[in-house]
């Protein structure tokens, strides 16, 4: 899978960016830009999933601290065709985004979520289109759930094997 290899290479490149020892964000991270983009994404998803009766259904979690991501968006089951949560996390690195239904390990990728009935093709298209148009890089959870083999101190964390690429770019540290 060439796309997988490209994403894995991108994760390794982002992992090598200079930054503070806490690993929450790289040097030069623009938190205001990230906030504006997250608000714009929420607006777009609200337009795509909202109805007159349900104004602003998409929730923006923006009080995230001590993490390698700053924002999460949650699309509630009541506005999705499959009746399941759709969650989006936005990393502090490289405009990475991940979509889960509803938890990180629920499905290895969006194909599996659709096949399992946890996500409709139409809802998948809505979320993927919004992310693509806003120039986020969508990362499949299956790649993030691989054992972390990067260059930071996380590679030496104990017990071995518990730290994943999800931890590095989309979780609390």
N, C-alpha and C. Protein backbone atom coordinates (compact mmCIF):
# COMPACT_ATOMS: atom_id res chain seq x y z
N UNK A 1 0.83 -1.17 0.00
CA UNK A 1 0.00 0.00 0.00
C UNK A 1 0.88 1.25 0.00
N UNK A 2 0.96 1.90 -1.12
CA UNK A 2 1.79 3.08 -1.24
C UNK A 2 1.30 4.23 -0.38
N UNK A 3 -0.04 4.37 -0.26
CA UNK A 3 -0.59 5.43 0.59
C UNK A 3 -0.18 5.22 2.04
N UNK A 4 -0.23 3.98 2.52
CA UNK A 4 0.19 3.69 3.89
C UNK A 4 1.65 4.05 4.08
N UNK A 5 2.50 3.68 3.14
CA UNK A 5 3.93 3.98 3.25
C UNK A 5 4.16 5.49 3.30
N UNK A 6 3.44 6.24 2.49
CA UNK A 6 3.58 7.70 2.48
C UNK A 6 3.17 8.29 3.82
N UNK A 7 2.11 7.78 4.40
CA UNK A 7 1.65 8.29 5.69
C UNK A 7 2.63 7.91 6.79
N UNK A 8 3.12 6.68 6.77
CA UNK A 8 4.11 6.26 7.76
C UNK A 8 5.37 7.12 7.65
N UNK A 9 5.80 7.39 6.43
CA UNK A 9 6.97 8.27 6.24
C UNK A 9 6.69 9.67 6.78
N UNK A 10 5.47 10.17 6.57
CA UNK A 10 5.10 11.48 7.09
C UNK A 10 5.13 11.48 8.62
N UNK A 11 4.59 10.45 9.24
CA UNK A 11 4.61 10.36 10.70
C UNK A 11 6.04 10.41 11.23
N UNK A 12 6.94 9.66 10.60
CA UNK A 12 8.34 9.66 11.02
C UNK A 12 8.98 11.04 10.82
N UNK A 13 8.65 11.71 9.73
CA UNK A 13 9.21 13.04 9.48
C UNK A 13 8.70 14.04 10.52
N UNK A 14 7.42 14.00 10.82
CA UNK A 14 6.86 14.91 11.82
C UNK A 14 7.43 14.61 13.21
N UNK A 15 7.71 13.35 13.46
CA UNK A 15 8.27 12.93 14.75
C UNK A 15 9.65 13.54 14.97
N UNK A 16 10.36 13.82 13.89
CA UNK A 16 11.71 14.37 13.99
C UNK A 16 11.74 15.90 14.05
N UNK A 17 10.58 16.54 13.98
CA UNK A 17 10.56 18.01 14.05
C UNK A 17 11.10 18.47 15.41
N UNK A 18 11.88 19.54 15.40
CA UNK A 18 12.36 20.06 16.69
C UNK A 18 11.19 20.61 17.50
N UNK A 19 11.30 20.42 18.79
CA UNK A 19 10.25 20.92 19.65
C UNK A 19 10.60 20.73 21.10
N UNK A 20 9.72 21.21 21.96
CA UNK A 20 9.95 21.07 23.40
C UNK A 20 9.95 19.61 23.83
N UNK A 21 10.57 19.35 24.94
CA UNK A 21 10.70 17.98 25.46
C UNK A 21 9.34 17.34 25.76
N UNK A 22 8.30 18.13 26.02
CA UNK A 22 7.01 17.56 26.39
C UNK A 22 6.27 16.94 25.21
N UNK A 23 6.67 17.20 23.98
CA UNK A 23 6.14 16.59 22.76
C UNK A 23 4.71 16.98 22.41
N UNK A 24 4.14 17.97 23.08
CA UNK A 24 2.76 18.35 22.78
C UNK A 24 2.62 19.01 21.42
N UNK A 25 3.64 19.73 21.00
CA UNK A 25 3.61 20.42 19.71
C UNK A 25 5.03 20.73 19.29
N UNK A 26 5.25 20.90 17.98
CA UNK A 26 6.60 21.22 17.49
C UNK A 26 6.88 22.72 17.64
N UNK A 27 8.15 23.08 17.51
CA UNK A 27 8.51 24.50 17.46
C UNK A 27 7.71 25.15 16.34
N UNK A 28 7.26 26.35 16.58
CA UNK A 28 6.53 27.10 15.56
C UNK A 28 5.05 26.75 15.45
N UNK A 29 4.55 25.89 16.31
CA UNK A 29 3.14 25.54 16.27
C UNK A 29 2.31 26.80 16.50
N UNK A 30 1.37 27.05 15.63
CA UNK A 30 0.54 28.24 15.69
C UNK A 30 -0.83 27.86 16.26
N UNK A 31 -0.99 28.02 17.56
CA UNK A 31 -2.23 27.58 18.21
C UNK A 31 -3.44 28.40 17.74
N UNK A 32 -3.25 29.67 17.41
CA UNK A 32 -4.38 30.47 16.93
C UNK A 32 -4.84 29.97 15.56
N UNK A 33 -3.89 29.67 14.68
CA UNK A 33 -4.24 29.12 13.37
C UNK A 33 -4.98 27.80 13.53
N UNK A 34 -4.49 26.94 14.43
CA UNK A 34 -5.14 25.65 14.66
C UNK A 34 -6.56 25.85 15.18
N UNK A 35 -6.75 26.81 16.08
CA UNK A 35 -8.09 27.09 16.63
C UNK A 35 -9.03 27.58 15.53
N UNK A 36 -8.55 28.51 14.71
CA UNK A 36 -9.39 29.04 13.63
C UNK A 36 -9.79 27.93 12.67
N UNK A 37 -8.84 27.06 12.33
CA UNK A 37 -9.13 25.95 11.42
C UNK A 37 -10.13 24.97 12.05
N UNK A 38 -10.00 24.69 13.34
CA UNK A 38 -10.93 23.79 14.02
C UNK A 38 -12.34 24.39 14.03
N UNK A 39 -12.44 25.67 14.27
CA UNK A 39 -13.75 26.35 14.26
C UNK A 39 -14.34 26.32 12.86
N UNK A 40 -13.50 26.53 11.85
CA UNK A 40 -13.98 26.47 10.47
C UNK A 40 -14.45 25.06 10.11
N UNK A 41 -13.71 24.06 10.57
CA UNK A 41 -14.12 22.68 10.31
C UNK A 41 -15.45 22.38 11.01
N UNK A 42 -15.59 22.83 12.23
CA UNK A 42 -16.87 22.64 12.93
C UNK A 42 -18.00 23.30 12.15
N UNK A 43 -17.78 24.50 11.68
CA UNK A 43 -18.81 25.21 10.91
C UNK A 43 -19.19 24.40 9.67
N UNK A 44 -18.19 23.90 8.97
CA UNK A 44 -18.43 23.11 7.77
C UNK A 44 -19.21 21.84 8.08
N UNK A 45 -18.79 21.13 9.13
CA UNK A 45 -19.48 19.89 9.50
C UNK A 45 -20.90 20.18 9.98
N UNK A 46 -21.08 21.28 10.67
CA UNK A 46 -22.44 21.66 11.07
C UNK A 46 -23.32 21.92 9.86
N UNK A 47 -22.76 22.55 8.85
CA UNK A 47 -23.52 22.77 7.62
C UNK A 47 -23.88 21.45 6.96
N UNK A 48 -22.92 20.52 6.96
CA UNK A 48 -23.12 19.24 6.29
C UNK A 48 -24.05 18.31 7.08
N UNK A 49 -24.02 18.36 8.40
CA UNK A 49 -24.80 17.44 9.23
C UNK A 49 -26.00 18.10 9.91
N UNK A 50 -26.06 19.42 9.91
CA UNK A 50 -27.11 20.12 10.64
C UNK A 50 -28.44 20.11 9.92
N UNK A 51 -29.46 20.33 10.68
CA UNK A 51 -30.81 20.52 10.15
C UNK A 51 -31.38 21.73 10.86
N UNK A 52 -32.45 22.34 10.33
CA UNK A 52 -33.03 23.50 11.02
C UNK A 52 -33.39 23.21 12.48
N UNK A 53 -33.82 21.99 12.77
CA UNK A 53 -34.19 21.65 14.14
C UNK A 53 -32.97 21.43 15.04
N UNK A 54 -31.86 21.09 14.43
CA UNK A 54 -30.65 20.78 15.20
C UNK A 54 -29.55 21.75 14.80
N UNK A 55 -29.65 22.95 15.24
CA UNK A 55 -28.65 23.96 14.90
C UNK A 55 -27.37 23.66 15.67
N UNK A 56 -26.27 23.59 14.95
CA UNK A 56 -24.94 23.38 15.54
C UNK A 56 -24.81 22.04 16.29
N UNK A 57 -25.08 20.90 15.64
CA UNK A 57 -24.98 19.63 16.36
C UNK A 57 -23.55 19.20 16.66
N UNK A 58 -22.58 19.62 15.85
CA UNK A 58 -21.20 19.17 16.03
C UNK A 58 -20.57 19.88 17.22
N UNK A 59 -20.01 19.08 18.11
CA UNK A 59 -19.38 19.62 19.32
C UNK A 59 -17.89 19.78 19.09
N UNK A 60 -17.35 20.88 19.56
CA UNK A 60 -15.92 21.14 19.47
C UNK A 60 -15.34 21.08 20.87
N UNK A 61 -14.46 20.11 21.09
CA UNK A 61 -13.74 20.01 22.37
C UNK A 61 -12.45 20.80 22.19
N UNK A 62 -12.34 21.90 22.92
CA UNK A 62 -11.18 22.76 22.71
C UNK A 62 -10.41 23.06 23.99
N UNK A 63 -10.72 22.41 25.06
CA UNK A 63 -10.00 22.62 26.31
C UNK A 63 -8.93 21.57 26.54
N UNK A 64 -8.41 21.01 25.48
CA UNK A 64 -7.44 19.91 25.57
C UNK A 64 -6.09 20.45 26.06
N UNK A 65 -5.51 19.80 27.05
CA UNK A 65 -4.19 20.17 27.55
C UNK A 65 -3.36 18.92 27.75
N UNK A 66 -2.04 19.11 27.77
CA UNK A 66 -1.11 18.01 28.01
C UNK A 66 -1.32 16.88 27.00
N UNK A 67 -1.48 17.24 25.75
CA UNK A 67 -1.76 16.27 24.70
C UNK A 67 -1.08 16.68 23.40
N UNK A 68 -0.98 15.73 22.49
CA UNK A 68 -0.39 15.99 21.17
C UNK A 68 -1.46 16.40 20.16
N UNK A 69 -2.65 16.67 20.65
CA UNK A 69 -3.73 17.23 19.83
C UNK A 69 -4.40 18.33 20.63
N UNK A 70 -4.99 19.28 19.95
CA UNK A 70 -5.62 20.40 20.65
C UNK A 70 -7.14 20.43 20.52
N UNK A 71 -7.66 19.74 19.51
CA UNK A 71 -9.09 19.84 19.25
C UNK A 71 -9.67 18.49 18.86
N UNK A 72 -10.88 18.27 19.32
CA UNK A 72 -11.65 17.12 18.92
C UNK A 72 -13.04 17.59 18.52
N UNK A 73 -13.58 16.98 17.51
CA UNK A 73 -14.94 17.29 17.08
C UNK A 73 -15.75 16.01 17.18
N UNK A 74 -16.99 16.15 17.67
CA UNK A 74 -17.85 14.98 17.83
C UNK A 74 -19.18 15.25 17.15
N UNK A 75 -19.50 14.38 16.21
CA UNK A 75 -20.78 14.46 15.50
C UNK A 75 -21.70 13.45 16.18
N UNK A 76 -22.80 13.93 16.77
CA UNK A 76 -23.64 13.04 17.59
C UNK A 76 -24.45 12.04 16.76
N UNK A 77 -24.77 10.91 17.37
CA UNK A 77 -25.52 9.86 16.67
C UNK A 77 -26.84 10.34 16.07
N UNK A 78 -27.46 11.31 16.68
CA UNK A 78 -28.76 11.78 16.21
C UNK A 78 -28.74 12.43 14.84
N UNK A 79 -27.56 12.80 14.35
CA UNK A 79 -27.49 13.44 13.02
C UNK A 79 -26.71 12.60 12.02
N UNK A 80 -26.28 11.40 12.43
CA UNK A 80 -25.57 10.52 11.49
C UNK A 80 -26.53 9.45 10.98
N UNK A 81 -26.29 9.00 9.78
CA UNK A 81 -27.16 7.99 9.18
C UNK A 81 -27.06 6.64 9.88
N UNK A 82 -25.89 6.31 10.43
CA UNK A 82 -25.71 5.03 11.10
C UNK A 82 -26.12 5.09 12.57
N UNK A 83 -26.41 6.28 13.08
CA UNK A 83 -26.80 6.41 14.48
C UNK A 83 -25.65 6.18 15.44
N UNK A 84 -24.43 6.43 15.00
CA UNK A 84 -23.23 6.27 15.82
C UNK A 84 -22.47 7.59 15.87
N UNK A 85 -21.70 7.78 16.94
CA UNK A 85 -20.82 8.94 17.02
C UNK A 85 -19.79 8.87 15.90
N UNK A 86 -19.46 10.01 15.35
CA UNK A 86 -18.30 10.16 14.47
C UNK A 86 -17.40 11.17 15.17
N UNK A 87 -16.17 10.78 15.42
CA UNK A 87 -15.24 11.63 16.15
C UNK A 87 -14.04 11.97 15.26
N UNK A 88 -13.60 13.21 15.36
CA UNK A 88 -12.44 13.68 14.61
C UNK A 88 -11.48 14.31 15.60
N UNK A 89 -10.22 13.92 15.54
CA UNK A 89 -9.18 14.57 16.34
C UNK A 89 -8.21 15.25 15.39
N UNK A 90 -7.77 16.44 15.80
CA UNK A 90 -6.84 17.24 15.01
C UNK A 90 -5.52 17.33 15.77
N UNK A 91 -4.48 16.78 15.19
CA UNK A 91 -3.16 16.75 15.81
C UNK A 91 -2.52 18.14 15.79
N UNK A 92 -1.57 18.31 16.69
CA UNK A 92 -0.76 19.53 16.70
C UNK A 92 0.39 19.44 15.71
N UNK A 93 0.44 18.38 14.94
CA UNK A 93 1.52 18.14 14.00
C UNK A 93 0.98 18.00 12.58
N UNK A 94 1.51 18.78 11.67
CA UNK A 94 1.30 18.59 10.25
C UNK A 94 -0.14 18.56 9.76
N UNK A 95 -1.06 19.18 10.46
CA UNK A 95 -2.46 19.17 10.05
C UNK A 95 -2.99 17.74 9.88
N UNK A 96 -2.52 16.84 10.75
CA UNK A 96 -3.02 15.47 10.74
C UNK A 96 -4.40 15.42 11.36
N UNK A 97 -5.25 14.55 10.83
CA UNK A 97 -6.58 14.32 11.37
C UNK A 97 -6.86 12.83 11.36
N UNK A 98 -7.63 12.38 12.34
CA UNK A 98 -8.06 11.00 12.39
C UNK A 98 -9.56 10.99 12.67
N UNK A 99 -10.27 10.06 12.02
CA UNK A 99 -11.70 9.91 12.20
C UNK A 99 -11.94 8.53 12.81
N UNK A 100 -12.74 8.50 13.88
CA UNK A 100 -13.06 7.24 14.52
C UNK A 100 -14.56 7.12 14.72
N UNK A 101 -15.01 5.88 14.88
CA UNK A 101 -16.44 5.60 15.05
C UNK A 101 -16.64 4.52 16.10
N UNK A 102 -16.88 4.77 17.31
CA UNK A 102 -16.73 6.03 18.02
C UNK A 102 -15.42 6.13 18.78
N UNK A 103 -14.68 5.01 18.92
CA UNK A 103 -13.44 5.02 19.69
C UNK A 103 -12.26 4.69 18.77
N UNK A 104 -11.05 5.05 19.17
CA UNK A 104 -9.88 4.81 18.31
C UNK A 104 -9.72 3.37 17.84
N UNK A 105 -10.07 2.42 18.68
CA UNK A 105 -9.87 1.02 18.28
C UNK A 105 -11.16 0.34 17.82
N UNK A 106 -12.21 1.13 17.56
CA UNK A 106 -13.48 0.55 17.11
C UNK A 106 -13.35 -0.10 15.73
N UNK A 107 -12.66 0.57 14.83
CA UNK A 107 -12.48 0.08 13.46
C UNK A 107 -11.10 0.48 12.97
N UNK A 108 -10.42 -0.39 12.23
CA UNK A 108 -9.06 -0.08 11.77
C UNK A 108 -9.01 1.05 10.74
N UNK A 109 -10.11 1.27 10.04
CA UNK A 109 -10.17 2.36 9.07
C UNK A 109 -11.63 2.61 8.72
N UNK A 110 -11.87 3.60 7.90
CA UNK A 110 -13.25 3.95 7.58
C UNK A 110 -13.92 2.91 6.70
N UNK A 111 -13.16 2.16 5.90
CA UNK A 111 -13.74 1.06 5.13
C UNK A 111 -14.39 0.04 6.06
N UNK A 112 -13.69 -0.30 7.12
CA UNK A 112 -14.21 -1.28 8.08
C UNK A 112 -15.42 -0.72 8.82
N UNK A 113 -15.40 0.57 9.15
CA UNK A 113 -16.54 1.19 9.83
C UNK A 113 -17.78 1.15 8.94
N UNK A 114 -17.60 1.41 7.65
CA UNK A 114 -18.72 1.35 6.72
C UNK A 114 -19.21 -0.10 6.59
N UNK A 115 -18.30 -1.04 6.43
CA UNK A 115 -18.67 -2.45 6.29
C UNK A 115 -19.42 -2.96 7.53
N UNK A 116 -19.07 -2.44 8.70
CA UNK A 116 -19.68 -2.86 9.95
C UNK A 116 -21.00 -2.13 10.23
N UNK A 117 -21.32 -1.12 9.42
CA UNK A 117 -22.56 -0.37 9.62
C UNK A 117 -22.44 0.75 10.63
N UNK A 118 -21.22 1.05 11.10
CA UNK A 118 -21.01 2.12 12.08
C UNK A 118 -20.88 3.49 11.41
N UNK A 119 -20.80 3.50 10.09
CA UNK A 119 -20.64 4.73 9.34
C UNK A 119 -21.26 4.52 7.97
N UNK A 120 -22.05 5.49 7.53
CA UNK A 120 -22.63 5.37 6.18
C UNK A 120 -21.64 5.95 5.17
N UNK A 121 -21.76 5.51 3.94
CA UNK A 121 -20.91 6.06 2.87
C UNK A 121 -21.12 7.57 2.74
N UNK A 122 -22.36 8.00 2.85
CA UNK A 122 -22.65 9.44 2.72
C UNK A 122 -21.98 10.25 3.83
N UNK A 123 -22.07 9.78 5.08
CA UNK A 123 -21.43 10.48 6.19
C UNK A 123 -19.91 10.44 6.06
N UNK A 124 -19.39 9.31 5.61
CA UNK A 124 -17.95 9.22 5.38
C UNK A 124 -17.52 10.27 4.36
N UNK A 125 -18.27 10.37 3.28
CA UNK A 125 -17.94 11.34 2.24
C UNK A 125 -17.98 12.77 2.79
N UNK A 126 -18.99 13.06 3.62
CA UNK A 126 -19.09 14.41 4.20
C UNK A 126 -17.84 14.76 5.02
N UNK A 127 -17.44 13.86 5.89
CA UNK A 127 -16.30 14.12 6.76
C UNK A 127 -15.00 14.17 5.96
N UNK A 128 -14.79 13.18 5.09
CA UNK A 128 -13.56 13.16 4.29
C UNK A 128 -13.47 14.38 3.38
N UNK A 129 -14.56 14.79 2.77
CA UNK A 129 -14.56 15.96 1.89
C UNK A 129 -14.20 17.22 2.67
N UNK A 130 -14.78 17.38 3.84
CA UNK A 130 -14.49 18.56 4.66
C UNK A 130 -13.01 18.60 5.03
N UNK A 131 -12.47 17.45 5.46
CA UNK A 131 -11.06 17.41 5.84
C UNK A 131 -10.15 17.67 4.65
N UNK A 132 -10.47 17.07 3.52
CA UNK A 132 -9.65 17.24 2.33
C UNK A 132 -9.68 18.69 1.85
N UNK A 133 -10.86 19.28 1.80
CA UNK A 133 -10.98 20.66 1.33
C UNK A 133 -10.28 21.64 2.26
N UNK A 134 -10.18 21.29 3.53
CA UNK A 134 -9.48 22.15 4.49
C UNK A 134 -8.01 21.78 4.62
N UNK A 135 -7.57 20.85 3.77
CA UNK A 135 -6.17 20.43 3.65
C UNK A 135 -5.61 19.77 4.90
N UNK A 136 -6.46 18.97 5.55
CA UNK A 136 -5.98 18.10 6.61
C UNK A 136 -5.51 16.80 5.98
N UNK A 137 -4.55 16.14 6.60
CA UNK A 137 -4.06 14.84 6.16
C UNK A 137 -4.74 13.77 7.01
N UNK A 138 -5.65 13.02 6.40
CA UNK A 138 -6.37 11.97 7.10
C UNK A 138 -5.46 10.76 7.29
N UNK A 139 -5.41 10.26 8.54
CA UNK A 139 -4.57 9.11 8.88
C UNK A 139 -5.48 7.99 9.36
N UNK A 140 -5.39 6.81 8.77
CA UNK A 140 -6.22 5.68 9.23
C UNK A 140 -5.78 5.23 10.63
N UNK A 141 -6.75 4.94 11.50
CA UNK A 141 -6.40 4.48 12.85
C UNK A 141 -5.47 3.27 12.86
N UNK A 142 -5.60 2.37 11.87
CA UNK A 142 -4.76 1.16 11.87
C UNK A 142 -3.28 1.50 11.84
N UNK A 143 -2.92 2.61 11.19
CA UNK A 143 -1.51 3.01 11.16
C UNK A 143 -1.09 3.65 12.48
N UNK A 144 -2.03 4.32 13.13
CA UNK A 144 -1.73 4.97 14.40
C UNK A 144 -1.66 3.98 15.55
N UNK A 145 -2.31 2.85 15.42
CA UNK A 145 -2.32 1.86 16.49
C UNK A 145 -1.11 0.92 16.43
N UNK A 146 -0.22 1.19 15.50
CA UNK A 146 1.04 0.44 15.43
C UNK A 146 1.97 0.89 16.55
N UNK A 147 2.82 -0.01 17.00
CA UNK A 147 3.77 0.35 18.06
C UNK A 147 4.64 1.51 17.60
N UNK A 148 4.81 2.47 18.49
CA UNK A 148 5.63 3.65 18.20
C UNK A 148 7.10 3.23 18.10
N UNK A 149 7.73 3.60 16.98
CA UNK A 149 9.15 3.30 16.78
C UNK A 149 9.90 4.55 16.34
N UNK A 150 9.51 5.67 16.91
CA UNK A 150 10.10 6.95 16.54
C UNK A 150 11.34 7.29 17.32
N UNK A 151 11.69 8.58 17.29
CA UNK A 151 12.96 9.05 17.83
C UNK A 151 12.86 9.73 19.18
N UNK A 152 11.65 9.91 19.71
CA UNK A 152 11.52 10.63 20.98
C UNK A 152 11.65 9.67 22.16
N UNK A 153 11.63 10.24 23.37
CA UNK A 153 11.73 9.43 24.58
C UNK A 153 10.56 8.46 24.73
N UNK A 154 9.48 8.66 23.98
CA UNK A 154 8.34 7.72 24.05
C UNK A 154 8.75 6.31 23.63
N UNK A 155 9.75 6.20 22.77
CA UNK A 155 10.20 4.89 22.29
C UNK A 155 10.76 4.04 23.43
N UNK A 156 11.20 4.70 24.51
CA UNK A 156 11.78 3.99 25.65
C UNK A 156 10.79 3.80 26.79
N UNK A 157 9.53 4.19 26.57
CA UNK A 157 8.53 4.10 27.63
C UNK A 157 8.27 2.65 28.01
N UNK A 158 7.96 2.44 29.26
CA UNK A 158 7.67 1.11 29.78
C UNK A 158 6.19 1.02 30.13
N UNK A 159 5.55 -0.11 30.02
CA UNK A 159 6.09 -1.31 29.41
C UNK A 159 6.17 -1.17 27.89
N UNK A 160 7.11 -1.86 27.34
CA UNK A 160 7.34 -1.81 25.89
C UNK A 160 6.08 -2.24 25.14
N UNK A 161 5.81 -1.58 24.03
CA UNK A 161 4.69 -1.94 23.19
C UNK A 161 3.40 -1.20 23.51
N UNK A 162 3.35 -0.48 24.62
CA UNK A 162 2.11 0.22 24.98
C UNK A 162 1.98 1.57 24.30
N UNK A 163 3.08 2.15 23.86
CA UNK A 163 3.03 3.46 23.21
C UNK A 163 2.87 3.24 21.71
N UNK A 164 1.91 3.93 21.13
CA UNK A 164 1.62 3.80 19.70
C UNK A 164 1.79 5.15 19.02
N UNK A 165 1.64 5.16 17.71
CA UNK A 165 1.67 6.42 16.97
C UNK A 165 0.45 7.26 17.32
N UNK A 166 -0.63 6.61 17.75
CA UNK A 166 -1.79 7.35 18.26
C UNK A 166 -1.35 8.21 19.45
N UNK A 167 -0.61 7.59 20.38
CA UNK A 167 -0.11 8.31 21.55
C UNK A 167 0.71 9.53 21.10
N UNK A 168 1.59 9.32 20.16
CA UNK A 168 2.51 10.37 19.73
C UNK A 168 1.78 11.58 19.14
N UNK A 169 0.73 11.36 18.35
CA UNK A 169 0.13 12.48 17.62
C UNK A 169 -1.34 12.78 17.96
N UNK A 170 -2.02 11.91 18.72
CA UNK A 170 -3.45 12.13 18.95
C UNK A 170 -3.92 11.82 20.37
N UNK A 171 -3.04 11.87 21.35
CA UNK A 171 -3.47 11.46 22.68
C UNK A 171 -2.88 12.36 23.75
N UNK A 172 -3.29 12.09 24.97
CA UNK A 172 -2.74 12.79 26.13
C UNK A 172 -1.36 12.22 26.40
N UNK A 173 -0.45 13.09 26.81
CA UNK A 173 0.93 12.65 27.04
C UNK A 173 1.26 12.67 28.53
